[in-house]
Amino acid sequence: MLTDGRISRIDVTKNTKITTVSGAKIGDTESRIKSLYPGKIQVTPHKYVKGGHYLTFISKEPLYKNYRVVFETDGKRVTQYRAGKLPEVEFVERCS
């Protein structure tokens, strides 16, 4: 996603081997995500997937206070994720 000509968000979807620096990836369980980022995951209900969640990584480092990684789950496993700056990273719908 671009905002004013700058990258503001990256979405990782479908079958891919792309991981975060900590090794999180599509297909990981919710518990694995929480274990990779202990004390840094905020869990909220998914807007469209019944029983699903948004697992939002919030860094404790001041330098990254305006950035997030949002993992979407079906209630058990990560189905896709995105990383970027606020507020774009929290938009539920992607630009098309």
PDB file of N, CA and C in Angstrom:
ATOM      1  N   MET A   1       0.855  -1.165   0.000  1.00  0.00           N
ATOM      2  CA  MET A   1       0.000   0.000   0.000  1.00  0.00           C
ATOM      3  C   MET A   1       0.900   1.226   0.000  1.00  0.00           C
ATOM      4  N   LEU A   2       0.551   2.193  -0.832  1.00  0.00           N
ATOM      5  CA  LEU A   2       1.285   3.445  -0.900  1.00  0.00           C
ATOM      6  C   LEU A   2       0.456   4.573  -0.303  1.00  0.00           C
ATOM      7  N   THR A   3       1.120   5.463   0.404  1.00  0.00           N
ATOM      8  CA  THR A   3       0.508   6.675   0.926  1.00  0.00           C
ATOM      9  C   THR A   3       1.416   7.828   0.536  1.00  0.00           C
ATOM     10  N   ASP A   4       0.880   8.747  -0.237  1.00  0.00           N
ATOM     11  CA  ASP A   4       1.676   9.878  -0.719  1.00  0.00           C
ATOM     12  C   ASP A   4       2.970   9.417  -1.388  1.00  0.00           C
ATOM     13  N   GLY A   5       2.868   8.325  -2.171  1.00  0.00           N
ATOM     14  CA  GLY A   5       4.010   7.829  -2.921  1.00  0.00           C
ATOM     15  C   GLY A   5       5.040   7.053  -2.125  1.00  0.00           C
ATOM     16  N   ARG A   6       4.739   6.760  -0.853  1.00  0.00           N
ATOM     17  CA  ARG A   6       5.671   6.001  -0.011  1.00  0.00           C
ATOM     18  C   ARG A   6       5.005   4.713   0.451  1.00  0.00           C
ATOM     19  N   ILE A   7       5.793   3.655   0.601  1.00  0.00           N
ATOM     20  CA  ILE A   7       5.252   2.385   1.089  1.00  0.00           C
ATOM     21  C   ILE A   7       4.831   2.572   2.544  1.00  0.00           C
ATOM     22  N   SER A   8       3.558   2.252   2.820  1.00  0.00           N
ATOM     23  CA  SER A   8       3.052   2.384   4.189  1.00  0.00           C
ATOM     24  C   SER A   8       2.660   1.037   4.780  1.00  0.00           C
ATOM     25  N   ARG A   9       2.519   0.034   3.904  1.00  0.00           N
ATOM     26  CA  ARG A   9       2.064  -1.272   4.384  1.00  0.00           C
ATOM     27  C   ARG A   9       2.405  -2.343   3.355  1.00  0.00           C
ATOM     28  N   ILE A  10       2.751  -3.523   3.875  1.00  0.00           N
ATOM     29  CA  ILE A  10       3.011  -4.704   3.047  1.00  0.00           C
ATOM     30  C   ILE A  10       2.082  -5.811   3.533  1.00  0.00           C
ATOM     31  N   ASP A  11       1.370  -6.465   2.620  1.00  0.00           N
ATOM     32  CA  ASP A  11       0.492  -7.589   2.954  1.00  0.00           C
ATOM     33  C   ASP A  11       1.106  -8.886   2.458  1.00  0.00           C
ATOM     34  N   VAL A  12       1.101  -9.910   3.307  1.00  0.00           N
ATOM     35  CA  VAL A  12       1.596 -11.235   2.941  1.00  0.00           C
ATOM     36  C   VAL A  12       0.395 -12.163   2.960  1.00  0.00           C
ATOM     37  N   THR A  13       0.053 -12.697   1.787  1.00  0.00           N
ATOM     38  CA  THR A  13      -1.132 -13.539   1.656  1.00  0.00           C
ATOM     39  C   THR A  13      -0.803 -14.807   0.882  1.00  0.00           C
ATOM     40  N   LYS A  14      -1.702 -15.739   0.930  1.00  0.00           N
ATOM     41  CA  LYS A  14      -1.619 -16.993   0.178  1.00  0.00           C
ATOM     42  C   LYS A  14      -0.431 -17.847   0.600  1.00  0.00           C
ATOM     43  N   ASN A  15      -0.160 -18.848  -0.202  1.00  0.00           N
ATOM     44  CA  ASN A  15       0.930 -19.785   0.106  1.00  0.00           C
ATOM     45  C   ASN A  15       2.262 -19.146  -0.236  1.00  0.00           C
ATOM     46  N   THR A  16       3.039 -18.851   0.780  1.00  0.00           N
ATOM     47  CA  THR A  16       4.340 -18.234   0.578  1.00  0.00           C
ATOM     48  C   THR A  16       5.281 -18.690   1.682  1.00  0.00           C
ATOM     49  N   LYS A  17       6.540 -18.575   1.432  1.00  0.00           N
ATOM     50  CA  LYS A  17       7.536 -18.939   2.438  1.00  0.00           C
ATOM     51  C   LYS A  17       8.078 -17.699   3.148  1.00  0.00           C
ATOM     52  N   ILE A  18       7.482 -16.541   2.888  1.00  0.00           N
ATOM     53  CA  ILE A  18       7.923 -15.299   3.519  1.00  0.00           C
ATOM     54  C   ILE A  18       7.621 -15.354   5.010  1.00  0.00           C
ATOM     55  N   THR A  19       8.625 -15.013   5.820  1.00  0.00           N
ATOM     56  CA  THR A  19       8.469 -14.998   7.279  1.00  0.00           C
ATOM     57  C   THR A  19       8.855 -13.621   7.823  1.00  0.00           C
ATOM     58  N   THR A  20       8.464 -13.372   9.056  1.00  0.00           N
ATOM     59  CA  THR A  20       8.946 -12.181   9.750  1.00  0.00           C
ATOM     60  C   THR A  20      10.372 -12.449  10.216  1.00  0.00           C
ATOM     61  N   VAL A  21      11.029 -11.436  10.731  1.00  0.00           N
ATOM     62  CA  VAL A  21      12.390 -11.607  11.266  1.00  0.00           C
ATOM     63  C   VAL A  21      12.408 -12.667  12.361  1.00  0.00           C
ATOM     64  N   SER A  22      11.320 -12.757  13.131  1.00  0.00           N
ATOM     65  CA  SER A  22      11.234 -13.738  14.224  1.00  0.00           C
ATOM     66  C   SER A  22      10.822 -15.125  13.740  1.00  0.00           C
ATOM     67  N   GLY A  23      10.499 -15.270  12.455  1.00  0.00           N
ATOM     68  CA  GLY A  23      10.142 -16.569  11.902  1.00  0.00           C
ATOM     69  C   GLY A  23       8.659 -16.848  11.814  1.00  0.00           C
ATOM     70  N   ALA A  24       7.798 -15.875  12.132  1.00  0.00           N
ATOM     71  CA  ALA A  24       6.347 -16.074  12.026  1.00  0.00           C
ATOM     72  C   ALA A  24       5.949 -16.160  10.558  1.00  0.00           C
ATOM     73  N   LYS A  25       4.956 -17.023  10.294  1.00  0.00           N
ATOM     74  CA  LYS A  25       4.542 -17.220   8.897  1.00  0.00           C
ATOM     75  C   LYS A  25       3.090 -17.668   8.819  1.00  0.00           C
ATOM     76  N   ILE A  26       2.560 -17.637   7.610  1.00  0.00           N
ATOM     77  CA  ILE A  26       1.218 -18.151   7.360  1.00  0.00           C
ATOM     78  C   ILE A  26       1.210 -19.631   7.725  1.00  0.00           C
ATOM     79  N   GLY A  27       0.158 -20.047   8.430  1.00  0.00           N
ATOM     80  CA  GLY A  27       0.036 -21.437   8.864  1.00  0.00           C
ATOM     81  C   GLY A  27       0.437 -21.639  10.318  1.00  0.00           C
ATOM     82  N   ASP A  28       1.158 -20.681  10.908  1.00  0.00           N
ATOM     83  CA  ASP A  28       1.519 -20.793  12.325  1.00  0.00           C
ATOM     84  C   ASP A  28       0.271 -20.752  13.194  1.00  0.00           C
ATOM     85  N   THR A  29       0.336 -21.413  14.342  1.00  0.00           N
ATOM     86  CA  THR A  29      -0.775 -21.379  15.287  1.00  0.00           C
ATOM     87  C   THR A  29      -0.764 -20.050  16.048  1.00  0.00           C
ATOM     88  N   GLU A  30      -1.913 -19.725  16.606  1.00  0.00           N
ATOM     89  CA  GLU A  30      -2.002 -18.519  17.430  1.00  0.00           C
ATOM     90  C   GLU A  30      -1.022 -18.613  18.599  1.00  0.00           C
ATOM     91  N   SER A  31      -0.896 -19.785  19.194  1.00  0.00           N
ATOM     92  CA  SER A  31       0.008 -19.928  20.339  1.00  0.00           C
ATOM     93  C   SER A  31       1.466 -19.724  19.926  1.00  0.00           C
ATOM     94  N   ARG A  32       1.833 -20.142  18.723  1.00  0.00           N
ATOM     95  CA  ARG A  32       3.210 -19.914  18.261  1.00  0.00           C
ATOM     96  C   ARG A  32       3.487 -18.419  18.109  1.00  0.00           C
ATOM     97  N   ILE A  33       2.533 -17.680  17.545  1.00  0.00           N
ATOM     98  CA  ILE A  33       2.715 -16.235  17.384  1.00  0.00           C
ATOM     99  C   ILE A  33       2.901 -15.586  18.753  1.00  0.00           C
ATOM    100  N   LYS A  34       2.061 -15.979  19.703  1.00  0.00           N
ATOM    101  CA  LYS A  34       2.172 -15.412  21.058  1.00  0.00           C
ATOM    102  C   LYS A  34       3.508 -15.772  21.703  1.00  0.00           C
ATOM    103  N   SER A  35       4.027 -16.958  21.412  1.00  0.00           N
ATOM    104  CA  SER A  35       5.308 -17.360  21.998  1.00  0.00           C
ATOM    105  C   SER A  35       6.490 -16.646  21.335  1.00  0.00           C
ATOM    106  N   LEU A  36       6.352 -16.296  20.069  1.00  0.00           N
ATOM    107  CA  LEU A  36       7.421 -15.565  19.382  1.00  0.00           C
ATOM    108  C   LEU A  36       7.522 -14.121  19.855  1.00  0.00           C
ATOM    109  N   TYR A  37       6.393 -13.577  20.306  1.00  0.00           N
ATOM    110  CA  TYR A  37       6.327 -12.174  20.737  1.00  0.00           C
ATOM    111  C   TYR A  37       5.697 -12.086  22.131  1.00  0.00           C
ATOM    112  N   PRO A  38       6.326 -12.667  23.141  1.00  0.00           N
ATOM    113  CA  PRO A  38       5.712 -12.705  24.473  1.00  0.00           C
ATOM    114  C   PRO A  38       5.439 -11.308  25.039  1.00  0.00           C
ATOM    115  N   GLY A  39       4.202 -11.124  25.493  1.00  0.00           N
ATOM    116  CA  GLY A  39       3.801  -9.858  26.092  1.00  0.00           C
ATOM    117  C   GLY A  39       3.628  -8.713  25.123  1.00  0.00           C
ATOM    118  N   LYS A  40       3.701  -9.008  23.820  1.00  0.00           N
ATOM    119  CA  LYS A  40       3.622  -7.936  22.820  1.00  0.00           C
ATOM    120  C   LYS A  40       2.487  -8.138  21.821  1.00  0.00           C
ATOM    121  N   ILE A  41       1.597  -9.096  22.072  1.00  0.00           N
ATOM    122  CA  ILE A  41       0.495  -9.387  21.152  1.00  0.00           C
ATOM    123  C   ILE A  41      -0.829  -8.943  21.769  1.00  0.00           C
ATOM    124  N   GLN A  42      -1.562  -8.137  21.014  1.00  0.00           N
ATOM    125  CA  GLN A  42      -2.916  -7.730  21.398  1.00  0.00           C
ATOM    126  C   GLN A  42      -3.882  -8.554  20.549  1.00  0.00           C
ATOM    127  N   VAL A  43      -4.836  -9.228  21.184  1.00  0.00           N
ATOM    128  CA  VAL A  43      -5.789 -10.084  20.470  1.00  0.00           C
ATOM    129  C   VAL A  43      -7.136  -9.379  20.397  1.00  0.00           C
ATOM    130  N   THR A  44      -7.682  -9.279  19.174  1.00  0.00           N
ATOM    131  CA  THR A  44      -9.006  -8.700  18.971  1.00  0.00           C
ATOM    132  C   THR A  44      -9.789  -9.585  18.006  1.00  0.00           C
ATOM    133  N   PRO A  45     -11.124  -9.537  18.047  1.00  0.00           N
ATOM    134  CA  PRO A  45     -11.934 -10.369  17.158  1.00  0.00           C
ATOM    135  C   PRO A  45     -11.773  -9.947  15.695  1.00  0.00           C
ATOM    136  N   HIS A  46     -11.818 -10.925  14.814  1.00  0.00           N
ATOM    137  CA  HIS A  46     -11.752 -10.662  13.369  1.00  0.00           C
ATOM    138  C   HIS A  46     -13.072 -10.069  12.915  1.00  0.00           C
ATOM    139  N   LYS A  47     -13.005  -9.095  12.023  1.00  0.00           N
ATOM    140  CA  LYS A  47     -14.218  -8.416  11.558  1.00  0.00           C
ATOM    141  C   LYS A  47     -15.085  -9.305  10.668  1.00  0.00           C
ATOM    142  N   TYR A  48     -14.468 -10.210   9.899  1.00  0.00           N
ATOM    143  CA  TYR A  48     -15.214 -11.002   8.924  1.00  0.00           C
ATOM    144  C   TYR A  48     -15.207 -12.506   9.170  1.00  0.00           C
ATOM    145  N   VAL A  49     -14.262 -13.019   9.937  1.00  0.00           N
ATOM    146  CA  VAL A  49     -14.131 -14.467  10.136  1.00  0.00           C
ATOM    147  C   VAL A  49     -14.640 -14.822  11.532  1.00  0.00           C
ATOM    148  N   LYS A  50     -15.762 -15.535  11.576  1.00  0.00           N
ATOM    149  CA  LYS A  50     -16.332 -15.933  12.857  1.00  0.00           C
ATOM    150  C   LYS A  50     -15.329 -16.818  13.604  1.00  0.00           C
ATOM    151  N   GLY A  51     -15.014 -16.438  14.838  1.00  0.00           N
ATOM    152  CA  GLY A  51     -14.043 -17.174  15.643  1.00  0.00           C
ATOM    153  C   GLY A  51     -12.601 -16.784  15.361  1.00  0.00           C
ATOM    154  N   GLY A  52     -12.390 -15.987  14.322  1.00  0.00           N
ATOM    155  CA  GLY A  52     -11.041 -15.558  13.955  1.00  0.00           C
ATOM    156  C   GLY A  52     -10.574 -14.388  14.791  1.00  0.00           C
ATOM    157  N   HIS A  53      -9.289 -14.092  14.680  1.00  0.00           N
ATOM    158  CA  HIS A  53      -8.689 -13.019  15.471  1.00  0.00           C
ATOM    159  C   HIS A  53      -7.706 -12.198  14.645  1.00  0.00           C
ATOM    160  N   TYR A  54      -7.448 -11.019  15.157  1.00  0.00           N
ATOM    161  CA  TYR A  54      -6.301 -10.221  14.734  1.00  0.00           C
ATOM    162  C   TYR A  54      -5.325 -10.309  15.907  1.00  0.00           C
ATOM    163  N   LEU A  55      -4.120 -10.765  15.638  1.00  0.00           N
ATOM    164  CA  LEU A  55      -3.056 -10.792  16.641  1.00  0.00           C
ATOM    165  C   LEU A  55      -2.095  -9.678  16.248  1.00  0.00           C
ATOM    166  N   THR A  56      -2.112  -8.598  17.000  1.00  0.00           N
ATOM    167  CA  THR A  56      -1.328  -7.423  16.639  1.00  0.00           C
ATOM    168  C   THR A  56      -0.079  -7.323  17.496  1.00  0.00           C
ATOM    169  N   PHE A  57       1.068  -7.360  16.823  1.00  0.00           N
ATOM    170  CA  PHE A  57       2.348  -7.176  17.506  1.00  0.00           C
ATOM    171  C   PHE A  57       2.571  -5.686  17.705  1.00  0.00           C
ATOM    172  N   ILE A  58       2.785  -5.296  18.966  1.00  0.00           N
ATOM    173  CA  ILE A  58       3.057  -3.909  19.323  1.00  0.00           C
ATOM    174  C   ILE A  58       4.408  -3.867  20.023  1.00  0.00           C
ATOM    175  N   SER A  59       5.384  -3.266  19.370  1.00  0.00           N
ATOM    176  CA  SER A  59       6.737  -3.183  19.922  1.00  0.00           C
ATOM    177  C   SER A  59       6.762  -2.286  21.152  1.00  0.00           C
ATOM    178  N   LYS A  60       7.621  -2.632  22.082  1.00  0.00           N
ATOM    179  CA  LYS A  60       7.809  -1.822  23.294  1.00  0.00           C
ATOM    180  C   LYS A  60       8.883  -0.748  23.070  1.00  0.00           C
ATOM    181  N   GLU A  61       9.571  -0.808  21.922  1.00  0.00           N
ATOM    182  CA  GLU A  61      10.633   0.146  21.628  1.00  0.00           C
ATOM    183  C   GLU A  61      10.046   1.449  21.077  1.00  0.00           C
ATOM    184  N   PRO A  62      10.385   2.586  21.676  1.00  0.00           N
ATOM    185  CA  PRO A  62       9.842   3.873  21.235  1.00  0.00           C
ATOM    186  C   PRO A  62      10.063   4.161  19.749  1.00  0.00           C
ATOM    187  N   LEU A  63      11.171   3.700  19.195  1.00  0.00           N
ATOM    188  CA  LEU A  63      11.477   3.922  17.790  1.00  0.00           C
ATOM    189  C   LEU A  63      10.395   3.343  16.873  1.00  0.00           C
ATOM    190  N   TYR A  64       9.742   2.259  17.313  1.00  0.00           N
ATOM    191  CA  TYR A  64       8.746   1.568  16.490  1.00  0.00           C
ATOM    192  C   TYR A  64       7.317   1.783  16.959  1.00  0.00           C
ATOM    193  N   LYS A  65       7.072   2.821  17.741  1.00  0.00           N
ATOM    194  CA  LYS A  65       5.744   3.041  18.317  1.00  0.00           C
ATOM    195  C   LYS A  65       4.653   3.256  17.276  1.00  0.00           C
ATOM    196  N   ASN A  66       5.000   3.679  16.070  1.00  0.00           N
ATOM    197  CA  ASN A  66       4.000   3.928  15.031  1.00  0.00           C
ATOM    198  C   ASN A  66       3.915   2.810  13.996  1.00  0.00           C
ATOM    199  N   TYR A  67       4.429   1.636  14.342  1.00  0.00           N
ATOM    200  CA  TYR A  67       4.431   0.490  13.424  1.00  0.00           C
ATOM    201  C   TYR A  67       3.818  -0.733  14.089  1.00  0.00           C
ATOM    202  N   ARG A  68       3.246  -1.628  13.285  1.00  0.00           N
ATOM    203  CA  ARG A  68       2.616  -2.843  13.793  1.00  0.00           C
ATOM    204  C   ARG A  68       2.807  -3.976  12.790  1.00  0.00           C
ATOM    205  N   VAL A  69       2.659  -5.203  13.288  1.00  0.00           N
ATOM    206  CA  VAL A  69       2.490  -6.389  12.452  1.00  0.00           C
ATOM    207  C   VAL A  69       1.166  -6.981  12.894  1.00  0.00           C
ATOM    208  N   VAL A  70       0.259  -7.197  11.940  1.00  0.00           N
ATOM    209  CA  VAL A  70      -1.074  -7.716  12.246  1.00  0.00           C
ATOM    210  C   VAL A  70      -1.228  -9.084  11.585  1.00  0.00           C
ATOM    211  N   PHE A  71      -1.384 -10.119  12.416  1.00  0.00           N
ATOM    212  CA  PHE A  71      -1.595 -11.475  11.934  1.00  0.00           C
ATOM    213  C   PHE A  71      -3.097 -11.745  11.955  1.00  0.00           C
ATOM    214  N   GLU A  72      -3.665 -12.176  10.842  1.00  0.00           N
ATOM    215  CA  GLU A  72      -5.083 -12.557  10.798  1.00  0.00           C
ATOM    216  C   GLU A  72      -5.169 -14.074  10.933  1.00  0.00           C
ATOM    217  N   THR A  73      -6.120 -14.536  11.765  1.00  0.00           N
ATOM    218  CA  THR A  73      -6.263 -15.981  11.956  1.00  0.00           C
ATOM    219  C   THR A  73      -7.702 -16.421  11.726  1.00  0.00           C
ATOM    220  N   ASP A  74      -7.864 -17.723  11.575  1.00  0.00           N
ATOM    221  CA  ASP A  74      -9.194 -18.329  11.481  1.00  0.00           C
ATOM    222  C   ASP A  74      -9.655 -18.798  12.864  1.00  0.00           C
ATOM    223  N   GLY A  75      -8.943 -18.392  13.879  1.00  0.00           N
ATOM    224  CA  GLY A  75      -9.213 -18.818  15.255  1.00  0.00           C
ATOM    225  C   GLY A  75      -8.193 -19.824  15.738  1.00  0.00           C
ATOM    226  N   LYS A  76      -7.450 -20.390  14.791  1.00  0.00           N
ATOM    227  CA  LYS A  76      -6.426 -21.380  15.131  1.00  0.00           C
ATOM    228  C   LYS A  76      -5.084 -21.055  14.496  1.00  0.00           C
ATOM    229  N   ARG A  77      -5.104 -20.753  13.194  1.00  0.00           N
ATOM    230  CA  ARG A  77      -3.860 -20.552  12.450  1.00  0.00           C
ATOM    231  C   ARG A  77      -3.858 -19.232  11.683  1.00  0.00           C
ATOM    232  N   VAL A  78      -2.653 -18.718  11.433  1.00  0.00           N
ATOM    233  CA  VAL A  78      -2.484 -17.491  10.663  1.00  0.00           C
ATOM    234  C   VAL A  78      -2.851 -17.755   9.208  1.00  0.00           C
ATOM    235  N   THR A  79      -3.727 -16.910   8.674  1.00  0.00           N
ATOM    236  CA  THR A  79      -4.152 -17.039   7.278  1.00  0.00           C
ATOM    237  C   THR A  79      -3.490 -15.993   6.382  1.00  0.00           C
ATOM    238  N   GLN A  80      -3.094 -14.883   6.967  1.00  0.00           N
ATOM    239  CA  GLN A  80      -2.364 -13.828   6.267  1.00  0.00           C
ATOM    240  C   GLN A  80      -1.850 -12.842   7.314  1.00  0.00           C
ATOM    241  N   TYR A  81      -0.929 -11.987   6.903  1.00  0.00           N
ATOM    242  CA  TYR A  81      -0.467 -10.958   7.830  1.00  0.00           C
ATOM    243  C   TYR A  81       0.003  -9.740   7.061  1.00  0.00           C
ATOM    244  N   ARG A  82       0.150  -8.651   7.789  1.00  0.00           N
ATOM    245  CA  ARG A  82       0.584  -7.405   7.179  1.00  0.00           C
ATOM    246  C   ARG A  82       1.460  -6.640   8.170  1.00  0.00           C
ATOM    247  N   ALA A  83       2.317  -5.797   7.627  1.00  0.00           N
ATOM    248  CA  ALA A  83       3.203  -4.987   8.454  1.00  0.00           C
ATOM    249  C   ALA A  83       3.244  -3.589   7.862  1.00  0.00           C
ATOM    250  N   GLY A  84       3.347  -2.603   8.752  1.00  0.00           N
ATOM    251  CA  GLY A  84       3.434  -1.243   8.255  1.00  0.00           C
ATOM    252  C   GLY A  84       3.212  -0.226   9.331  1.00  0.00           C
ATOM    253  N   LYS A  85       2.956   0.993   8.876  1.00  0.00           N
ATOM    254  CA  LYS A  85       2.813   2.100   9.811  1.00  0.00           C
ATOM    255  C   LYS A  85       1.340   2.381  10.092  1.00  0.00           C
ATOM    256  N   LEU A  86       1.136   3.062  11.213  1.00  0.00           N
ATOM    257  CA  LEU A  86      -0.209   3.485  11.581  1.00  0.00           C
ATOM    258  C   LEU A  86      -0.584   4.722  10.773  1.00  0.00           C
ATOM    259  N   PRO A  87      -1.799   4.885  10.347  1.00  0.00           N
ATOM    260  CA  PRO A  87      -2.953   4.038  10.620  1.00  0.00           C
ATOM    261  C   PRO A  87      -3.172   2.950   9.564  1.00  0.00           C
ATOM    262  N   GLU A  88      -2.423   3.009   8.442  1.00  0.00           N
ATOM    263  CA  GLU A  88      -2.685   2.121   7.306  1.00  0.00           C
ATOM    264  C   GLU A  88      -2.652   0.637   7.659  1.00  0.00           C
ATOM    265  N   VAL A  89      -1.737   0.229   8.530  1.00  0.00           N
ATOM    266  CA  VAL A  89      -1.602  -1.188   8.870  1.00  0.00           C
ATOM    267  C   VAL A  89      -2.846  -1.739   9.562  1.00  0.00           C
ATOM    268  N   GLU A  90      -3.632  -0.869  10.176  1.00  0.00           N
ATOM    269  CA  GLU A  90      -4.836  -1.326  10.875  1.00  0.00           C
ATOM    270  C   GLU A  90      -6.097  -1.306   9.995  1.00  0.00           C
ATOM    271  N   PHE A  91      -5.985  -0.794   8.759  1.00  0.00           N
ATOM    272  CA  PHE A  91      -7.141  -0.825   7.863  1.00  0.00           C
ATOM    273  C   PHE A  91      -7.483  -2.279   7.562  1.00  0.00           C
ATOM    274  N   VAL A  92      -8.758  -2.652   7.745  1.00  0.00           N
ATOM    275  CA  VAL A  92      -9.181  -4.030   7.511  1.00  0.00           C
ATOM    276  C   VAL A  92      -9.205  -4.342   6.026  1.00  0.00           C
ATOM    277  N   GLU A  93      -9.721  -3.433   5.222  1.00  0.00           N
ATOM    278  CA  GLU A  93      -9.780  -3.650   3.780  1.00  0.00           C
ATOM    279  C   GLU A  93      -8.501  -3.122   3.133  1.00  0.00           C
ATOM    280  N   ARG A  94      -8.008  -3.884   2.174  1.00  0.00           N
ATOM    281  CA  ARG A  94      -6.847  -3.425   1.420  1.00  0.00           C
ATOM    282  C   ARG A  94      -7.311  -2.521   0.300  1.00  0.00           C
ATOM    283  N   CYS A  95      -6.406  -1.717  -0.221  1.00  0.00           N
ATOM    284  CA  CYS A  95      -6.752  -0.922  -1.390  1.00  0.00           C
ATOM    285  C   CYS A  95      -6.840  -1.872  -2.581  1.00  0.00           C
ATOM    286  N   SER A  96      -7.632  -1.504  -3.576  1.00  0.00           N
ATOM    287  CA  SER A  96      -7.747  -2.403  -4.742  1.00  0.00           C
ATOM    288  C   SER A  96      -7.557  -1.652  -6.024  1.00  0.00           C
TER     289      SER A  96
END
